[in-house]
N, C-alpha and C. Protein backbone atom coordinates (compact mmCIF):
# COMPACT_ATOMS: atom_id res chain seq x y z
N ILE A 1 2.14 226.35 -76.89
CA ILE A 1 2.48 227.33 -75.87
C ILE A 1 1.23 228.11 -75.45
N ILE A 2 0.43 228.52 -76.43
CA ILE A 2 -0.78 229.28 -76.12
C ILE A 2 -1.75 228.45 -75.29
N ILE A 3 -1.89 227.18 -75.65
CA ILE A 3 -2.79 226.28 -74.91
C ILE A 3 -2.32 226.12 -73.47
N GLU A 4 -1.03 225.88 -73.28
CA GLU A 4 -0.47 225.69 -71.94
C GLU A 4 -0.59 226.97 -71.12
N LEU A 5 -0.31 228.11 -71.74
CA LEU A 5 -0.43 229.39 -71.05
C LEU A 5 -1.86 229.65 -70.63
N SER A 6 -2.80 229.38 -71.53
CA SER A 6 -4.22 229.56 -71.23
C SER A 6 -4.65 228.68 -70.06
N SER A 7 -4.20 227.44 -70.06
CA SER A 7 -4.55 226.50 -68.99
C SER A 7 -4.04 226.97 -67.64
N ARG A 8 -2.80 227.47 -67.61
CA ARG A 8 -2.21 227.92 -66.34
C ARG A 8 -2.88 229.19 -65.82
N MET A 9 -3.51 229.93 -66.73
CA MET A 9 -4.23 231.15 -66.33
C MET A 9 -5.67 230.86 -65.95
N GLY A 10 -6.05 229.57 -66.00
CA GLY A 10 -7.38 229.19 -65.54
C GLY A 10 -8.42 229.00 -66.61
N TYR A 11 -8.04 229.11 -67.88
CA TYR A 11 -9.00 228.90 -68.96
C TYR A 11 -8.58 227.68 -69.77
N GLN A 12 -9.37 226.62 -69.67
CA GLN A 12 -9.05 225.39 -70.38
C GLN A 12 -9.61 225.47 -71.80
N MET A 13 -8.74 225.48 -72.78
CA MET A 13 -9.19 225.57 -74.17
C MET A 13 -9.77 224.23 -74.61
N LYS A 14 -10.68 224.28 -75.55
CA LYS A 14 -11.37 223.07 -76.00
C LYS A 14 -10.45 222.16 -76.81
N SER A 15 -9.45 222.74 -77.42
CA SER A 15 -8.57 221.95 -78.28
C SER A 15 -7.16 221.88 -77.70
N ASP A 16 -6.47 220.78 -78.00
CA ASP A 16 -5.06 220.68 -77.65
C ASP A 16 -4.21 220.59 -78.91
N SER A 17 -4.77 221.06 -80.03
CA SER A 17 -4.10 221.00 -81.32
C SER A 17 -3.58 222.38 -81.69
N ALA A 18 -2.28 222.48 -81.97
CA ALA A 18 -1.69 223.75 -82.39
C ALA A 18 -2.30 224.22 -83.71
N GLU A 19 -2.65 223.26 -84.58
CA GLU A 19 -3.25 223.62 -85.86
C GLU A 19 -4.59 224.30 -85.66
N GLU A 20 -5.41 223.79 -84.75
CA GLU A 20 -6.72 224.39 -84.50
C GLU A 20 -6.58 225.77 -83.86
N VAL A 21 -5.58 225.94 -83.01
CA VAL A 21 -5.33 227.26 -82.42
C VAL A 21 -4.96 228.25 -83.52
N PHE A 22 -4.11 227.81 -84.46
CA PHE A 22 -3.72 228.69 -85.56
C PHE A 22 -4.92 229.04 -86.44
N GLN A 23 -5.81 228.08 -86.66
CA GLN A 23 -7.02 228.35 -87.43
C GLN A 23 -7.89 229.40 -86.73
N GLU A 24 -7.94 229.32 -85.41
CA GLU A 24 -8.73 230.30 -84.65
C GLU A 24 -8.12 231.69 -84.78
N ILE A 25 -6.79 231.77 -84.75
CA ILE A 25 -6.12 233.06 -84.96
C ILE A 25 -6.47 233.61 -86.33
N GLY A 26 -6.44 232.73 -87.35
CA GLY A 26 -6.76 233.14 -88.71
C GLY A 26 -8.20 233.59 -88.88
N SER A 27 -9.10 233.12 -88.02
CA SER A 27 -10.51 233.51 -88.13
C SER A 27 -10.74 234.97 -87.73
N ILE A 28 -9.81 235.54 -86.96
CA ILE A 28 -9.99 236.93 -86.53
C ILE A 28 -8.89 237.86 -87.04
N TRP A 29 -7.81 237.29 -87.56
CA TRP A 29 -6.71 238.10 -88.10
C TRP A 29 -6.54 237.76 -89.57
N GLN A 30 -7.03 238.63 -90.44
CA GLN A 30 -7.10 238.34 -91.87
C GLN A 30 -5.72 238.17 -92.50
N ALA A 31 -4.69 238.69 -91.89
CA ALA A 31 -3.35 238.58 -92.47
C ALA A 31 -2.88 237.14 -92.61
N VAL A 32 -3.42 236.23 -91.79
CA VAL A 32 -3.01 234.82 -91.87
C VAL A 32 -4.19 233.89 -92.16
N THR A 33 -5.33 234.44 -92.53
CA THR A 33 -6.52 233.63 -92.79
C THR A 33 -6.26 232.57 -93.86
N GLY A 34 -5.50 232.92 -94.89
CA GLY A 34 -5.27 231.99 -95.99
C GLY A 34 -4.13 231.01 -95.76
N ILE A 35 -3.47 231.08 -94.62
CA ILE A 35 -2.36 230.16 -94.34
C ILE A 35 -2.88 228.97 -93.55
N THR A 36 -2.76 227.79 -94.12
CA THR A 36 -3.18 226.56 -93.44
C THR A 36 -2.00 225.61 -93.33
N TYR A 37 -2.12 224.65 -92.43
CA TYR A 37 -1.05 223.66 -92.27
C TYR A 37 -0.83 222.87 -93.56
N ASN A 38 -1.92 222.56 -94.27
CA ASN A 38 -1.79 221.82 -95.53
C ASN A 38 -0.96 222.61 -96.54
N ARG A 39 -1.19 223.91 -96.60
CA ARG A 39 -0.47 224.74 -97.57
C ARG A 39 1.01 224.87 -97.20
N ILE A 40 1.30 225.09 -95.92
CA ILE A 40 2.70 225.32 -95.55
C ILE A 40 3.51 224.03 -95.47
N HIS A 41 2.82 222.87 -95.45
CA HIS A 41 3.55 221.61 -95.56
C HIS A 41 4.20 221.48 -96.94
N LYS A 42 3.56 222.09 -97.94
CA LYS A 42 4.06 222.02 -99.31
C LYS A 42 5.09 223.11 -99.59
N GLN A 43 4.81 224.30 -99.07
CA GLN A 43 5.70 225.43 -99.34
C GLN A 43 5.40 226.54 -98.34
N GLY A 44 6.45 227.22 -97.90
CA GLY A 44 6.26 228.33 -96.97
C GLY A 44 5.48 229.47 -97.60
N ILE A 45 4.72 230.18 -96.78
CA ILE A 45 3.91 231.31 -97.27
C ILE A 45 4.21 232.53 -96.40
N GLN A 46 4.49 233.64 -97.05
CA GLN A 46 4.74 234.89 -96.34
C GLN A 46 3.43 235.65 -96.18
N TRP A 47 3.12 236.01 -94.94
CA TRP A 47 1.92 236.82 -94.72
C TRP A 47 2.22 238.27 -95.09
N PRO A 48 1.18 239.08 -95.39
CA PRO A 48 -0.26 238.81 -95.36
C PRO A 48 -0.70 237.84 -96.45
N CYS A 49 -1.65 236.98 -96.06
CA CYS A 49 -2.24 236.01 -96.97
C CYS A 49 -3.72 235.90 -96.58
N PRO A 50 -4.58 236.78 -97.09
CA PRO A 50 -5.95 236.90 -96.60
C PRO A 50 -6.90 235.78 -97.00
N THR A 51 -6.60 235.04 -98.09
CA THR A 51 -7.48 233.96 -98.52
C THR A 51 -6.64 232.75 -98.91
N GLN A 52 -7.30 231.58 -99.02
CA GLN A 52 -6.58 230.36 -99.39
C GLN A 52 -6.15 230.37 -100.85
N GLU A 53 -6.71 231.27 -101.64
CA GLU A 53 -6.29 231.40 -103.04
C GLU A 53 -5.12 232.38 -103.18
N HIS A 54 -4.85 233.14 -102.14
CA HIS A 54 -3.80 234.16 -102.19
C HIS A 54 -2.42 233.50 -102.12
N PRO A 55 -1.46 233.93 -102.95
CA PRO A 55 -0.13 233.29 -102.96
C PRO A 55 0.78 233.72 -101.82
N GLY A 56 0.36 234.69 -101.04
CA GLY A 56 1.24 235.25 -100.02
C GLY A 56 1.87 236.55 -100.51
N THR A 57 2.59 237.23 -99.65
CA THR A 57 3.13 238.55 -99.98
C THR A 57 4.62 238.60 -99.68
N PRO A 58 5.46 238.21 -100.65
CA PRO A 58 6.91 238.22 -100.42
C PRO A 58 7.44 239.62 -100.12
N TYR A 59 6.86 240.65 -100.76
CA TYR A 59 7.32 242.03 -100.56
C TYR A 59 6.13 242.90 -100.19
N LEU A 60 6.10 243.35 -98.97
CA LEU A 60 5.01 244.21 -98.51
C LEU A 60 5.16 245.60 -99.12
N PHE A 61 4.08 246.16 -99.62
CA PHE A 61 4.04 247.49 -100.23
C PHE A 61 4.98 247.60 -101.43
N LYS A 62 5.13 246.50 -102.18
CA LYS A 62 6.02 246.51 -103.35
C LYS A 62 5.57 247.55 -104.37
N GLY A 63 4.27 247.66 -104.57
CA GLY A 63 3.75 248.60 -105.56
C GLY A 63 3.45 249.98 -105.01
N GLY A 64 3.79 250.23 -103.76
CA GLY A 64 3.50 251.53 -103.15
C GLY A 64 2.65 251.37 -101.91
N PHE A 65 2.57 252.42 -101.14
CA PHE A 65 1.78 252.42 -99.91
C PHE A 65 0.31 252.70 -100.23
N PRO A 66 -0.61 252.20 -99.41
CA PRO A 66 -2.04 252.42 -99.68
C PRO A 66 -2.41 253.90 -99.79
N ARG A 67 -1.71 254.77 -99.05
CA ARG A 67 -2.04 256.19 -99.09
C ARG A 67 -1.11 256.99 -100.02
N GLY A 68 -0.33 256.27 -100.85
CA GLY A 68 0.58 256.96 -101.77
C GLY A 68 2.02 256.80 -101.34
N LYS A 69 2.80 257.86 -101.44
CA LYS A 69 4.20 257.82 -101.08
C LYS A 69 4.37 257.77 -99.56
N ALA A 70 5.55 257.33 -99.14
CA ALA A 70 5.84 257.32 -97.71
C ALA A 70 5.85 258.75 -97.17
N VAL A 71 5.40 258.90 -95.94
CA VAL A 71 5.31 260.22 -95.32
C VAL A 71 6.37 260.34 -94.23
N PHE A 72 7.21 261.36 -94.35
CA PHE A 72 8.23 261.62 -93.34
C PHE A 72 7.78 262.80 -92.48
N SER A 73 8.00 262.68 -91.19
CA SER A 73 7.61 263.75 -90.27
C SER A 73 8.85 264.35 -89.61
N VAL A 74 8.83 265.64 -89.44
CA VAL A 74 9.92 266.35 -88.77
C VAL A 74 9.61 266.42 -87.28
N VAL A 75 10.56 266.03 -86.46
CA VAL A 75 10.38 266.11 -85.01
C VAL A 75 11.46 267.00 -84.42
N GLU A 76 11.13 267.63 -83.33
CA GLU A 76 12.08 268.51 -82.65
C GLU A 76 13.11 267.67 -81.89
N TYR A 77 14.38 267.98 -82.07
CA TYR A 77 15.44 267.25 -81.36
C TYR A 77 15.41 267.60 -79.87
N LYS A 78 15.48 266.57 -79.07
CA LYS A 78 15.59 266.76 -77.63
C LYS A 78 16.74 265.90 -77.12
N PRO A 79 17.64 266.46 -76.34
CA PRO A 79 18.77 265.68 -75.84
C PRO A 79 18.31 264.59 -74.88
N SER A 80 19.14 263.58 -74.71
CA SER A 80 18.82 262.50 -73.78
C SER A 80 18.68 263.05 -72.37
N LYS A 81 17.84 262.41 -71.59
CA LYS A 81 17.58 262.87 -70.23
C LYS A 81 18.78 262.65 -69.31
N GLU A 82 19.64 261.69 -69.65
CA GLU A 82 20.78 261.41 -68.78
C GLU A 82 22.04 261.26 -69.63
N LEU A 83 22.97 262.17 -69.44
CA LEU A 83 24.24 262.14 -70.14
C LEU A 83 25.38 262.00 -69.14
N PRO A 84 26.56 261.58 -69.58
CA PRO A 84 27.68 261.40 -68.66
C PRO A 84 28.03 262.67 -67.89
N ASP A 85 28.48 262.49 -66.66
CA ASP A 85 28.91 263.59 -65.81
C ASP A 85 30.11 263.12 -64.99
N LYS A 86 30.51 263.90 -63.99
CA LYS A 86 31.68 263.54 -63.19
C LYS A 86 31.47 262.24 -62.42
N GLU A 87 30.26 262.03 -61.91
CA GLU A 87 29.99 260.83 -61.12
C GLU A 87 29.86 259.59 -61.98
N TYR A 88 29.19 259.74 -63.12
CA TYR A 88 29.00 258.63 -64.06
C TYR A 88 29.53 259.07 -65.43
N PRO A 89 30.84 258.87 -65.68
CA PRO A 89 31.49 259.50 -66.83
C PRO A 89 31.38 258.77 -68.17
N LEU A 90 30.79 257.59 -68.18
CA LEU A 90 30.71 256.80 -69.41
C LEU A 90 29.29 256.73 -69.93
N MET A 91 29.14 256.65 -71.25
CA MET A 91 27.81 256.53 -71.85
C MET A 91 27.58 255.09 -72.29
N LEU A 92 26.52 254.49 -71.77
CA LEU A 92 26.17 253.10 -72.09
C LEU A 92 25.13 253.04 -73.19
N SER A 93 25.35 252.14 -74.13
CA SER A 93 24.33 251.78 -75.10
C SER A 93 24.22 250.25 -75.10
N THR A 94 23.01 249.74 -75.13
CA THR A 94 22.80 248.29 -75.15
C THR A 94 22.40 247.84 -76.55
N GLY A 95 22.48 246.54 -76.80
CA GLY A 95 22.09 246.04 -78.11
C GLY A 95 22.21 244.54 -78.21
N ARG A 96 22.18 244.06 -79.45
CA ARG A 96 22.21 242.62 -79.72
C ARG A 96 23.55 242.23 -80.33
N HIS A 97 23.80 240.93 -80.38
CA HIS A 97 24.81 240.42 -81.29
C HIS A 97 24.19 239.29 -82.10
N LEU A 98 24.95 238.75 -83.03
CA LEU A 98 24.41 237.85 -84.05
C LEU A 98 23.80 236.57 -83.49
N PHE A 99 24.35 236.04 -82.40
CA PHE A 99 24.03 234.66 -82.02
C PHE A 99 22.91 234.52 -80.98
N HIS A 100 22.42 235.63 -80.42
CA HIS A 100 21.34 235.54 -79.44
C HIS A 100 20.19 236.44 -79.83
N TYR A 101 19.05 236.24 -79.15
CA TYR A 101 17.83 236.95 -79.51
C TYR A 101 17.17 237.49 -78.25
N HIS A 102 16.94 238.79 -78.22
CA HIS A 102 16.28 239.46 -77.09
C HIS A 102 16.94 239.07 -75.76
N THR A 103 16.16 238.71 -74.76
CA THR A 103 16.75 238.45 -73.44
C THR A 103 17.22 237.01 -73.28
N GLY A 104 17.28 236.25 -74.37
CA GLY A 104 17.88 234.92 -74.34
C GLY A 104 17.01 233.83 -73.76
N THR A 105 15.72 234.09 -73.54
CA THR A 105 14.86 233.09 -72.90
C THR A 105 14.68 231.84 -73.75
N MET A 106 14.79 231.98 -75.07
CA MET A 106 14.68 230.81 -75.95
C MET A 106 16.04 230.35 -76.45
N ILE A 107 16.79 231.26 -77.04
CA ILE A 107 18.03 230.89 -77.74
C ILE A 107 19.09 230.36 -76.79
N ARG A 108 19.21 230.88 -75.61
CA ARG A 108 20.30 230.49 -74.72
C ARG A 108 20.11 229.11 -74.11
N LYS A 109 18.99 228.47 -74.40
CA LYS A 109 18.78 227.09 -73.93
C LYS A 109 19.39 226.08 -74.90
N GLY A 110 19.83 226.55 -76.06
CA GLY A 110 20.43 225.66 -77.04
C GLY A 110 21.95 225.70 -76.96
N ASP A 111 22.58 224.55 -76.87
CA ASP A 111 24.03 224.49 -76.69
C ASP A 111 24.80 225.05 -77.88
N ALA A 112 24.28 224.83 -79.09
CA ALA A 112 25.02 225.21 -80.30
C ALA A 112 25.27 226.72 -80.34
N LEU A 113 24.21 227.51 -80.22
CA LEU A 113 24.36 228.96 -80.27
C LEU A 113 24.97 229.51 -78.99
N ASN A 114 24.57 228.94 -77.87
CA ASN A 114 25.05 229.45 -76.58
C ASN A 114 26.55 229.28 -76.43
N SER A 115 27.11 228.27 -77.09
CA SER A 115 28.54 228.03 -76.96
C SER A 115 29.37 229.08 -77.69
N VAL A 116 28.76 229.78 -78.65
CA VAL A 116 29.50 230.78 -79.42
C VAL A 116 29.76 232.04 -78.59
N GLU A 117 28.73 232.54 -77.94
CA GLU A 117 28.86 233.69 -77.04
C GLU A 117 28.20 233.30 -75.73
N ALA A 118 28.87 232.49 -74.95
CA ALA A 118 28.26 231.90 -73.76
C ALA A 118 28.26 232.82 -72.56
N GLU A 119 29.03 233.90 -72.62
CA GLU A 119 29.24 234.70 -71.42
C GLU A 119 28.99 236.18 -71.70
N ALA A 120 28.41 236.86 -70.72
CA ALA A 120 28.16 238.29 -70.86
C ALA A 120 29.47 239.06 -70.92
N TYR A 121 29.46 240.19 -71.62
CA TYR A 121 30.66 241.01 -71.73
C TYR A 121 30.28 242.48 -71.91
N VAL A 122 31.22 243.35 -71.60
CA VAL A 122 31.06 244.78 -71.85
C VAL A 122 32.21 245.23 -72.74
N GLU A 123 31.88 245.92 -73.82
CA GLU A 123 32.91 246.43 -74.73
C GLU A 123 33.33 247.83 -74.31
N LEU A 124 34.64 248.06 -74.30
CA LEU A 124 35.20 249.34 -73.88
C LEU A 124 36.43 249.63 -74.73
N ASN A 125 36.61 250.89 -75.06
CA ASN A 125 37.75 251.31 -75.85
C ASN A 125 39.04 251.19 -75.04
N SER A 126 40.15 250.91 -75.72
CA SER A 126 41.43 250.72 -75.02
C SER A 126 41.89 251.97 -74.28
N ALA A 127 41.49 253.15 -74.77
CA ALA A 127 41.86 254.39 -74.07
C ALA A 127 41.25 254.42 -72.67
N ASP A 128 40.03 253.90 -72.55
CA ASP A 128 39.36 253.87 -71.24
C ASP A 128 39.90 252.76 -70.36
N THR A 129 40.20 251.61 -70.94
CA THR A 129 40.75 250.52 -70.12
C THR A 129 42.13 250.88 -69.59
N ASP A 130 42.93 251.59 -70.41
CA ASP A 130 44.24 252.04 -69.94
C ASP A 130 44.09 253.03 -68.79
N ARG A 131 43.15 253.94 -68.92
CA ARG A 131 42.93 254.95 -67.88
C ARG A 131 42.47 254.31 -66.57
N LEU A 132 41.64 253.28 -66.69
CA LEU A 132 41.09 252.62 -65.51
C LEU A 132 41.98 251.51 -64.98
N GLY A 133 43.03 251.17 -65.74
CA GLY A 133 43.91 250.09 -65.32
C GLY A 133 43.27 248.73 -65.39
N ILE A 134 42.45 248.53 -66.43
CA ILE A 134 41.70 247.28 -66.60
C ILE A 134 42.28 246.51 -67.78
N ILE A 135 42.38 245.21 -67.66
CA ILE A 135 42.89 244.38 -68.75
C ILE A 135 41.75 243.58 -69.38
N ASP A 136 41.99 243.13 -70.60
CA ASP A 136 40.98 242.36 -71.33
C ASP A 136 40.64 241.07 -70.58
N GLY A 137 39.33 240.80 -70.44
CA GLY A 137 38.88 239.60 -69.75
C GLY A 137 38.69 239.77 -68.25
N GLU A 138 39.10 240.92 -67.73
CA GLU A 138 38.95 241.16 -66.29
C GLU A 138 37.49 241.45 -65.96
N LYS A 139 37.05 241.07 -64.78
CA LYS A 139 35.68 241.33 -64.36
C LYS A 139 35.61 242.69 -63.68
N VAL A 140 34.60 243.47 -64.05
CA VAL A 140 34.43 244.82 -63.51
C VAL A 140 33.00 245.00 -63.01
N ARG A 141 32.79 246.07 -62.28
CA ARG A 141 31.45 246.44 -61.83
C ARG A 141 31.01 247.67 -62.63
N VAL A 142 29.88 247.54 -63.32
CA VAL A 142 29.30 248.66 -64.06
C VAL A 142 28.07 249.12 -63.30
N SER A 143 28.02 250.42 -62.97
CA SER A 143 26.93 250.95 -62.13
C SER A 143 26.30 252.16 -62.80
N SER A 144 24.99 252.31 -62.56
CA SER A 144 24.27 253.52 -62.95
C SER A 144 23.50 254.00 -61.73
N ARG A 145 22.66 255.00 -61.90
CA ARG A 145 21.86 255.50 -60.78
C ARG A 145 20.74 254.54 -60.40
N ARG A 146 20.58 253.47 -61.18
CA ARG A 146 19.47 252.55 -60.93
C ARG A 146 19.92 251.16 -60.49
N GLY A 147 21.13 250.78 -60.81
CA GLY A 147 21.56 249.43 -60.44
C GLY A 147 23.00 249.19 -60.83
N GLU A 148 23.45 247.95 -60.63
CA GLU A 148 24.82 247.60 -60.99
C GLU A 148 24.89 246.13 -61.39
N ILE A 149 25.88 245.81 -62.22
CA ILE A 149 26.13 244.43 -62.62
C ILE A 149 27.64 244.18 -62.61
N GLU A 150 28.01 242.91 -62.51
CA GLU A 150 29.41 242.52 -62.63
C GLU A 150 29.56 241.75 -63.94
N ILE A 151 30.58 242.11 -64.71
CA ILE A 151 30.66 241.62 -66.08
C ILE A 151 32.11 241.68 -66.57
N LYS A 152 32.46 240.83 -67.55
CA LYS A 152 33.83 240.78 -68.06
C LYS A 152 34.07 241.83 -69.15
N ILE A 153 35.28 242.39 -69.13
CA ILE A 153 35.69 243.40 -70.11
C ILE A 153 36.09 242.74 -71.43
N ARG A 154 35.69 243.40 -72.53
CA ARG A 154 36.18 243.03 -73.85
C ARG A 154 36.67 244.32 -74.51
N ILE A 155 37.99 244.45 -74.66
CA ILE A 155 38.54 245.65 -75.29
C ILE A 155 38.17 245.64 -76.78
N SER A 156 37.66 246.78 -77.27
CA SER A 156 37.10 246.79 -78.62
C SER A 156 37.34 248.13 -79.30
N LYS A 157 37.60 248.07 -80.61
CA LYS A 157 37.70 249.28 -81.42
C LYS A 157 36.33 249.73 -81.93
N ARG A 158 35.32 248.91 -81.68
CA ARG A 158 33.98 249.23 -82.19
C ARG A 158 33.33 250.36 -81.41
N VAL A 159 33.77 250.59 -80.19
CA VAL A 159 33.20 251.67 -79.38
C VAL A 159 34.23 252.77 -79.21
N GLY A 160 33.76 254.01 -79.22
CA GLY A 160 34.66 255.14 -79.08
C GLY A 160 35.02 255.40 -77.63
N LYS A 161 35.93 256.31 -77.43
CA LYS A 161 36.34 256.69 -76.08
C LYS A 161 35.15 257.25 -75.31
N GLY A 162 34.99 256.79 -74.08
CA GLY A 162 33.88 257.26 -73.26
C GLY A 162 32.58 256.52 -73.49
N ARG A 163 32.60 255.53 -74.39
CA ARG A 163 31.39 254.78 -74.71
C ARG A 163 31.50 253.35 -74.18
N VAL A 164 30.35 252.77 -73.84
CA VAL A 164 30.27 251.40 -73.32
C VAL A 164 29.16 250.67 -74.06
N PHE A 165 29.41 249.43 -74.46
CA PHE A 165 28.35 248.63 -75.09
C PHE A 165 28.19 247.32 -74.34
N ILE A 166 26.92 246.98 -74.01
CA ILE A 166 26.62 245.72 -73.33
C ILE A 166 25.44 245.04 -74.05
N PRO A 167 25.58 243.79 -74.51
CA PRO A 167 24.44 243.05 -75.04
C PRO A 167 23.44 242.76 -73.92
N PHE A 168 22.15 242.79 -74.25
CA PHE A 168 21.13 242.62 -73.20
C PHE A 168 20.59 241.19 -73.12
N HIS A 169 21.32 240.20 -73.64
CA HIS A 169 20.83 238.82 -73.70
C HIS A 169 21.05 238.04 -72.41
N TYR A 170 21.82 238.55 -71.48
CA TYR A 170 22.33 237.74 -70.37
C TYR A 170 21.68 238.13 -69.04
N LYS A 171 20.86 237.23 -68.49
CA LYS A 171 20.18 237.54 -67.24
C LYS A 171 21.15 237.63 -66.07
N GLU A 172 22.29 236.94 -66.16
CA GLU A 172 23.25 236.97 -65.06
C GLU A 172 24.01 238.30 -64.99
N ALA A 173 23.92 239.08 -66.05
CA ALA A 173 24.49 240.44 -66.06
C ALA A 173 23.53 241.30 -66.88
N ALA A 174 22.34 241.49 -66.35
CA ALA A 174 21.23 242.09 -67.10
C ALA A 174 21.47 243.58 -67.34
N ALA A 175 21.71 243.94 -68.59
CA ALA A 175 22.03 245.32 -68.94
C ALA A 175 20.91 246.29 -68.56
N ASN A 176 19.67 245.83 -68.61
CA ASN A 176 18.55 246.73 -68.34
C ASN A 176 18.35 247.04 -66.86
N LEU A 177 19.19 246.46 -66.00
CA LEU A 177 19.23 246.93 -64.61
C LEU A 177 19.85 248.32 -64.53
N LEU A 178 20.58 248.68 -65.58
CA LEU A 178 21.29 249.96 -65.60
C LEU A 178 20.54 251.04 -66.35
N THR A 179 19.73 250.66 -67.33
CA THR A 179 19.20 251.62 -68.30
C THR A 179 18.17 252.56 -67.71
N ASN A 180 17.94 253.63 -68.48
CA ASN A 180 17.06 254.71 -68.05
C ASN A 180 15.60 254.40 -68.42
N ALA A 181 14.70 254.59 -67.48
CA ALA A 181 13.29 254.26 -67.71
C ALA A 181 12.47 255.46 -68.20
N VAL A 182 13.12 256.58 -68.49
CA VAL A 182 12.41 257.75 -69.01
C VAL A 182 11.78 257.41 -70.35
N LEU A 183 10.51 257.80 -70.56
CA LEU A 183 9.76 257.40 -71.76
C LEU A 183 9.83 258.44 -72.86
N ASP A 184 9.88 257.96 -74.09
CA ASP A 184 9.76 258.83 -75.25
C ASP A 184 8.34 259.42 -75.26
N PRO A 185 8.19 260.73 -75.49
CA PRO A 185 6.86 261.35 -75.40
C PRO A 185 5.87 260.90 -76.47
N VAL A 186 6.38 260.36 -77.58
CA VAL A 186 5.49 259.93 -78.67
C VAL A 186 5.21 258.43 -78.61
N SER A 187 6.27 257.62 -78.54
CA SER A 187 6.12 256.17 -78.60
C SER A 187 5.95 255.51 -77.24
N ASN A 188 6.28 256.24 -76.17
CA ASN A 188 6.26 255.69 -74.80
C ASN A 188 7.24 254.53 -74.61
N ILE A 189 8.29 254.49 -75.44
CA ILE A 189 9.34 253.48 -75.30
C ILE A 189 10.42 254.04 -74.38
N PRO A 190 10.91 253.24 -73.43
CA PRO A 190 11.97 253.73 -72.54
C PRO A 190 13.24 254.08 -73.31
N GLU A 191 14.00 255.02 -72.76
CA GLU A 191 15.26 255.43 -73.37
C GLU A 191 16.35 254.43 -72.99
N LEU A 192 16.30 253.27 -73.63
CA LEU A 192 17.17 252.15 -73.26
C LEU A 192 18.57 252.25 -73.85
N LYS A 193 18.77 253.13 -74.80
CA LYS A 193 20.04 253.15 -75.54
C LYS A 193 21.02 254.21 -75.08
N VAL A 194 20.63 255.05 -74.15
CA VAL A 194 21.54 256.09 -73.65
C VAL A 194 21.36 256.22 -72.15
N CYS A 195 22.44 255.98 -71.41
CA CYS A 195 22.42 256.30 -69.98
C CYS A 195 23.86 256.42 -69.49
N ALA A 196 24.02 257.11 -68.37
CA ALA A 196 25.35 257.35 -67.81
C ALA A 196 25.71 256.24 -66.83
N VAL A 197 26.94 255.74 -66.94
CA VAL A 197 27.41 254.69 -66.04
C VAL A 197 28.84 254.98 -65.59
N LYS A 198 29.26 254.27 -64.58
CA LYS A 198 30.66 254.29 -64.17
C LYS A 198 31.15 252.85 -64.09
N MET A 199 32.46 252.68 -64.17
CA MET A 199 33.03 251.35 -64.16
C MET A 199 34.19 251.31 -63.18
N GLU A 200 34.28 250.23 -62.44
CA GLU A 200 35.37 250.10 -61.47
C GLU A 200 35.83 248.66 -61.39
N LYS A 201 37.09 248.52 -61.06
CA LYS A 201 37.66 247.19 -60.86
C LYS A 201 37.04 246.55 -59.63
N ILE A 202 36.90 245.25 -59.68
CA ILE A 202 36.40 244.51 -58.52
C ILE A 202 37.61 244.08 -57.69
N ALA A 203 37.62 244.52 -56.46
CA ALA A 203 38.75 244.19 -55.57
C ALA A 203 38.81 242.69 -55.34
N VAL A 204 39.98 242.15 -55.48
CA VAL A 204 40.19 240.72 -55.24
C VAL A 204 40.42 240.50 -53.75
N LYS A 205 39.60 239.67 -53.16
CA LYS A 205 39.73 239.40 -51.73
C LYS A 205 40.91 238.47 -51.48
N LYS A 206 41.80 238.92 -50.64
CA LYS A 206 42.95 238.09 -50.29
C LYS A 206 42.56 237.08 -49.22
N PRO A 207 43.02 235.86 -49.35
CA PRO A 207 42.69 234.85 -48.33
C PRO A 207 43.27 235.24 -46.98
N LYS A 208 42.49 234.98 -45.95
CA LYS A 208 42.95 235.31 -44.60
C LYS A 208 44.11 234.41 -44.20
N ALA A 209 45.09 235.03 -43.57
CA ALA A 209 46.25 234.27 -43.11
C ALA A 209 45.85 233.35 -41.97
N LYS A 210 46.35 232.15 -42.02
CA LYS A 210 46.04 231.19 -40.97
C LYS A 210 46.78 231.55 -39.68
N LYS A 211 46.06 231.47 -38.60
CA LYS A 211 46.67 231.75 -37.30
C LYS A 211 47.60 230.61 -36.90
N LYS A 212 48.74 231.02 -36.37
CA LYS A 212 49.70 230.01 -35.91
C LYS A 212 49.25 229.43 -34.58
N VAL A 213 49.26 228.15 -34.51
CA VAL A 213 48.84 227.47 -33.28
C VAL A 213 50.09 227.18 -32.44
N LYS A 214 50.06 227.69 -31.21
CA LYS A 214 51.20 227.46 -30.33
C LYS A 214 51.23 226.01 -29.88
N SER A 215 52.40 225.44 -29.95
CA SER A 215 52.54 224.03 -29.54
C SER A 215 52.79 223.94 -28.04
């Protein structure tokens, strides 16, 4: 993958061997310097593995941290930048489920895993589905101040009243079209787990009546 990516970006690498690319990575990143193809053909090795004599590191920091005990820091609580209101009364949180990984670019190409959870869904408490007049499996429109998606309902006890959960693995109903891009002041990570949304039934279009032809 690295060789192909490099080539498409205009830099032709001297080698077309994945093993040689890995050796080059090991020459500048000591954590994998001691891991070679010959060694891992015999047995897997957990990094860090700085030398070929090193057995690998099954448990990182097993004997303690380099600077002593773990350090905990106190931070000031700040509420989320966007909470539910009259216009957007539900709180959305996104996340994963067991059978897919991140945005699905790799895992969803495999039939075995994709067949288990093949379709995007939104989890909602039965109290909210009753209020909205929505039934399990029905397709709804979920909207925020940034975007909207159409997705099937899954009634669930896992989410509380007023809460919405959407896995972010599905590009056809991309949860991050809805999420808040406000950044955490320390980590600069977007506030992807809390945002206000609304949900509405998708109107079913009735077929147009055929005009009667006069004979």
